[in-house]
Amino acid sequence: MTAELEPQTFRVTRADLVRYAGASGDFNPIHWSDRIATGVGLPGVIAHGMFTMALVGRAVTTWAGAADAVVEFSVRFSRPVPVPDTDEGTEVVVSASVKEVTDEGHTRLSLTATCNGDKVLSMAQALIRKR
């Protein structure tokens, strides 16, 4: 059983990274300084991994209909999300396919998140409680 869910797109700007840094306490300069980011081999400033995961989580809760319907949610980070210093920033596109419906009626989703066509997460999945 495979059914595709409507993809969701999230815009990410440097201003979002500043707000996330303040909320999370993660002020690592790779998330705000091009000089430091490129100095350690990154393409430039990158989004926080947990911020990217939160965007995917937002998509999952939208598909689920409520946050408390999400039973399990996991990802592995496979590529950074570069965020250019422009007003437009970048986009993260989240898509999902239904992989199974369990005996309990829960729905297991296989998740994909991409930025500029590159998959930024691997082994991403969620289990949604029957409502």
C-alpha atoms as a PDB file:
ATOM      1  CA  MET A   1       0.000   0.000   0.000  1.00  0.00           C
ATOM      2  CA  THR A   2       1.626   3.225  -1.121  1.00  0.00           C
ATOM      3  CA  ALA A   3      -0.203   6.538  -1.230  1.00  0.00           C
ATOM      4  CA  GLU A   4       1.464   9.908  -1.646  1.00  0.00           C
ATOM      5  CA  LEU A   5       0.518  12.822   0.597  1.00  0.00           C
ATOM      6  CA  GLU A   6       0.443  16.419  -0.625  1.00  0.00           C
ATOM      7  CA  PRO A   7       3.985  17.880  -0.335  1.00  0.00           C
ATOM      8  CA  GLN A   8       4.514  20.848   1.964  1.00  0.00           C
ATOM      9  CA  THR A   9       7.038  23.608   1.320  1.00  0.00           C
ATOM     10  CA  PHE A  10       8.737  25.686   4.003  1.00  0.00           C
ATOM     11  CA  ARG A  11      10.773  28.823   3.336  1.00  0.00           C
ATOM     12  CA  VAL A  12      13.906  29.172   5.499  1.00  0.00           C
ATOM     13  CA  THR A  13      15.727  32.497   5.803  1.00  0.00           C
ATOM     14  CA  ARG A  14      18.663  33.700   7.850  1.00  0.00           C
ATOM     15  CA  ALA A  15      16.150  35.522  10.075  1.00  0.00           C
ATOM     16  CA  ASP A  16      14.555  32.126  10.848  1.00  0.00           C
ATOM     17  CA  LEU A  17      17.974  30.803  11.871  1.00  0.00           C
ATOM     18  CA  VAL A  18      18.497  33.759  14.221  1.00  0.00           C
ATOM     19  CA  ARG A  19      15.119  33.170  15.843  1.00  0.00           C
ATOM     20  CA  TYR A  20      15.791  29.446  16.163  1.00  0.00           C
ATOM     21  CA  ALA A  21      19.234  30.079  17.671  1.00  0.00           C
ATOM     22  CA  GLY A  22      17.650  32.308  20.308  1.00  0.00           C
ATOM     23  CA  ALA A  23      14.935  29.786  21.112  1.00  0.00           C
ATOM     24  CA  SER A  24      17.238  26.761  21.197  1.00  0.00           C
ATOM     25  CA  GLY A  25      20.400  28.330  22.616  1.00  0.00           C
ATOM     26  CA  ASP A  26      22.409  26.921  19.681  1.00  0.00           C
ATOM     27  CA  PHE A  27      24.595  29.835  18.615  1.00  0.00           C
ATOM     28  CA  ASN A  28      27.136  27.764  16.670  1.00  0.00           C
ATOM     29  CA  PRO A  29      28.592  30.206  14.111  1.00  0.00           C
ATOM     30  CA  ILE A  30      28.054  27.780  11.207  1.00  0.00           C
ATOM     31  CA  HIS A  31      24.407  28.877  11.494  1.00  0.00           C
ATOM     32  CA  TRP A  32      25.111  32.607  11.070  1.00  0.00           C
ATOM     33  CA  SER A  33      28.684  33.259   9.789  1.00  0.00           C
ATOM     34  CA  ASP A  34      29.592  32.531   6.175  1.00  0.00           C
ATOM     35  CA  ARG A  35      33.275  32.980   7.068  1.00  0.00           C
ATOM     36  CA  ILE A  36      33.192  30.313   9.776  1.00  0.00           C
ATOM     37  CA  ALA A  37      30.910  27.971   7.804  1.00  0.00           C
ATOM     38  CA  THR A  38      33.069  28.004   4.679  1.00  0.00           C
ATOM     39  CA  GLY A  39      36.188  27.822   6.857  1.00  0.00           C
ATOM     40  CA  VAL A  40      35.089  24.395   8.113  1.00  0.00           C
ATOM     41  CA  GLY A  41      34.219  23.154   4.615  1.00  0.00           C
ATOM     42  CA  LEU A  42      30.506  23.928   4.432  1.00  0.00           C
ATOM     43  CA  PRO A  43      28.975  25.655   1.393  1.00  0.00           C
ATOM     44  CA  GLY A  44      27.979  28.595   3.621  1.00  0.00           C
ATOM     45  CA  VAL A  45      25.617  29.116   6.531  1.00  0.00           C
ATOM     46  CA  ILE A  46      23.443  26.066   7.148  1.00  0.00           C
ATOM     47  CA  ALA A  47      20.181  25.556   9.005  1.00  0.00           C
ATOM     48  CA  HIS A  48      20.238  23.832  12.369  1.00  0.00           C
ATOM     49  CA  GLY A  49      19.530  20.127  11.940  1.00  0.00           C
ATOM     50  CA  MET A  50      16.886  20.218  14.655  1.00  0.00           C
ATOM     51  CA  PHE A  51      15.215  23.176  12.920  1.00  0.00           C
ATOM     52  CA  THR A  52      15.005  21.122   9.716  1.00  0.00           C
ATOM     53  CA  MET A  53      13.596  18.210  11.715  1.00  0.00           C
ATOM     54  CA  ALA A  54      11.031  20.559  13.278  1.00  0.00           C
ATOM     55  CA  LEU A  55       9.833  21.619   9.819  1.00  0.00           C
ATOM     56  CA  VAL A  56       9.318  17.969   8.904  1.00  0.00           C
ATOM     57  CA  GLY A  57       7.528  17.473  12.224  1.00  0.00           C
ATOM     58  CA  ARG A  58       5.228  20.367  11.376  1.00  0.00           C
ATOM     59  CA  ALA A  59       4.350  18.668   8.092  1.00  0.00           C
ATOM     60  CA  VAL A  60       3.674  15.380   9.897  1.00  0.00           C
ATOM     61  CA  THR A  61       1.350  17.031  12.427  1.00  0.00           C
ATOM     62  CA  THR A  62      -0.516  18.733   9.583  1.00  0.00           C
ATOM     63  CA  TRP A  63      -1.012  15.397   7.828  1.00  0.00           C
ATOM     64  CA  ALA A  64      -1.956  13.758  11.147  1.00  0.00           C
ATOM     65  CA  GLY A  65      -4.473  16.465  11.998  1.00  0.00           C
ATOM     66  CA  ALA A  66      -3.099  17.036  15.513  1.00  0.00           C
ATOM     67  CA  ALA A  67       0.254  16.907  17.287  1.00  0.00           C
ATOM     68  CA  ASP A  68      -0.953  14.267  19.757  1.00  0.00           C
ATOM     69  CA  ALA A  69      -1.713  11.908  16.872  1.00  0.00           C
ATOM     70  CA  VAL A  70       2.033  11.489  16.174  1.00  0.00           C
ATOM     71  CA  VAL A  71       3.138   8.323  17.974  1.00  0.00           C
ATOM     72  CA  GLU A  72       6.687   8.061  16.574  1.00  0.00           C
ATOM     73  CA  PHE A  73       8.910  10.369  14.546  1.00  0.00           C
ATOM     74  CA  SER A  74      12.547   9.837  13.596  1.00  0.00           C
ATOM     75  CA  VAL A  75      15.090  11.082  11.074  1.00  0.00           C
ATOM     76  CA  ARG A  76      18.779  10.908  10.270  1.00  0.00           C
ATOM     77  CA  PHE A  77      20.540  13.970   8.953  1.00  0.00           C
ATOM     78  CA  SER A  78      22.243  13.263   5.630  1.00  0.00           C
ATOM     79  CA  ARG A  79      22.998  16.687   4.102  1.00  0.00           C
ATOM     80  CA  PRO A  80      23.053  20.257   5.347  1.00  0.00           C
ATOM     81  CA  VAL A  81      20.436  22.824   4.350  1.00  0.00           C
ATOM     82  CA  PRO A  82      22.380  25.828   2.994  1.00  0.00           C
ATOM     83  CA  VAL A  83      20.629  29.137   3.623  1.00  0.00           C
ATOM     84  CA  PRO A  84      21.803  31.986   1.377  1.00  0.00           C
ATOM     85  CA  ASP A  85      21.942  35.559   2.666  1.00  0.00           C
ATOM     86  CA  THR A  86      18.967  36.719   0.588  1.00  0.00           C
ATOM     87  CA  ASP A  87      15.434  37.796   1.409  1.00  0.00           C
ATOM     88  CA  GLU A  88      14.179  34.581  -0.230  1.00  0.00           C
ATOM     89  CA  GLY A  89      16.511  32.213   1.636  1.00  0.00           C
ATOM     90  CA  THR A  90      15.827  28.645   0.564  1.00  0.00           C
ATOM     91  CA  GLU A  91      13.015  26.121   0.576  1.00  0.00           C
ATOM     92  CA  VAL A  92      12.659  22.751   2.255  1.00  0.00           C
ATOM     93  CA  VAL A  93      10.088  20.508   0.583  1.00  0.00           C
ATOM     94  CA  VAL A  94       8.614  17.725   2.692  1.00  0.00           C
ATOM     95  CA  SER A  95       6.778  14.810   1.127  1.00  0.00           C
ATOM     96  CA  ALA A  96       5.465  11.541   2.474  1.00  0.00           C
ATOM     97  CA  SER A  97       4.101   8.243   1.347  1.00  0.00           C
ATOM     98  CA  VAL A  98       1.971   5.832   3.318  1.00  0.00           C
ATOM     99  CA  LYS A  99       3.991   2.646   3.763  1.00  0.00           C
ATOM    100  CA  GLU A 100       1.554   0.635   5.861  1.00  0.00           C
ATOM    101  CA  VAL A 101      -1.471   0.671   8.072  1.00  0.00           C
ATOM    102  CA  THR A 102      -0.818  -1.394  11.199  1.00  0.00           C
ATOM    103  CA  ASP A 103      -3.197  -3.889  12.769  1.00  0.00           C
ATOM    104  CA  GLU A 104      -4.060  -1.149  15.296  1.00  0.00           C
ATOM    105  CA  GLY A 105      -5.018   1.181  12.448  1.00  0.00           C
ATOM    106  CA  HIS A 106      -1.957   3.432  12.791  1.00  0.00           C
ATOM    107  CA  THR A 107      -0.403   4.804   9.610  1.00  0.00           C
ATOM    108  CA  ARG A 108       3.344   4.548   8.984  1.00  0.00           C
ATOM    109  CA  LEU A 109       4.756   7.299   6.770  1.00  0.00           C
ATOM    110  CA  SER A 110       8.017   7.312   4.867  1.00  0.00           C
ATOM    111  CA  LEU A 111       9.214  10.931   4.818  1.00  0.00           C
ATOM    112  CA  THR A 112      11.434  12.839   2.402  1.00  0.00           C
ATOM    113  CA  ALA A 113      12.842  16.330   2.853  1.00  0.00           C
ATOM    114  CA  THR A 114      14.712  18.063   0.045  1.00  0.00           C
ATOM    115  CA  CYS A 115      16.479  21.372  -0.435  1.00  0.00           C
ATOM    116  CA  ASN A 116      17.485  22.418  -3.945  1.00  0.00           C
ATOM    117  CA  GLY A 117      16.623  18.903  -5.101  1.00  0.00           C
ATOM    118  CA  ASP A 118      18.973  17.226  -2.603  1.00  0.00           C
ATOM    119  CA  LYS A 119      17.649  14.862   0.065  1.00  0.00           C
ATOM    120  CA  VAL A 120      18.634  16.337   3.425  1.00  0.00           C
ATOM    121  CA  LEU A 121      17.292  13.528   5.629  1.00  0.00           C
ATOM    122  CA  SER A 122      17.498   9.766   5.434  1.00  0.00           C
ATOM    123  CA  MET A 123      15.555   7.014   7.160  1.00  0.00           C
ATOM    124  CA  ALA A 124      12.849   9.547   8.050  1.00  0.00           C
ATOM    125  CA  GLN A 125       9.557   8.084   9.185  1.00  0.00           C
ATOM    126  CA  ALA A 126       6.548   8.694  11.374  1.00  0.00           C
ATOM    127  CA  LEU A 127       3.752   6.667  12.873  1.00  0.00           C
ATOM    128  CA  ILE A 128       0.370   8.374  13.144  1.00  0.00           C
ATOM    129  CA  ARG A 129      -2.371   7.221  15.497  1.00  0.00           C
ATOM    130  CA  LYS A 130      -5.749   6.400  14.044  1.00  0.00           C
ATOM    131  CA  ARG A 131      -8.168   9.249  14.858  1.00  0.00           C
END
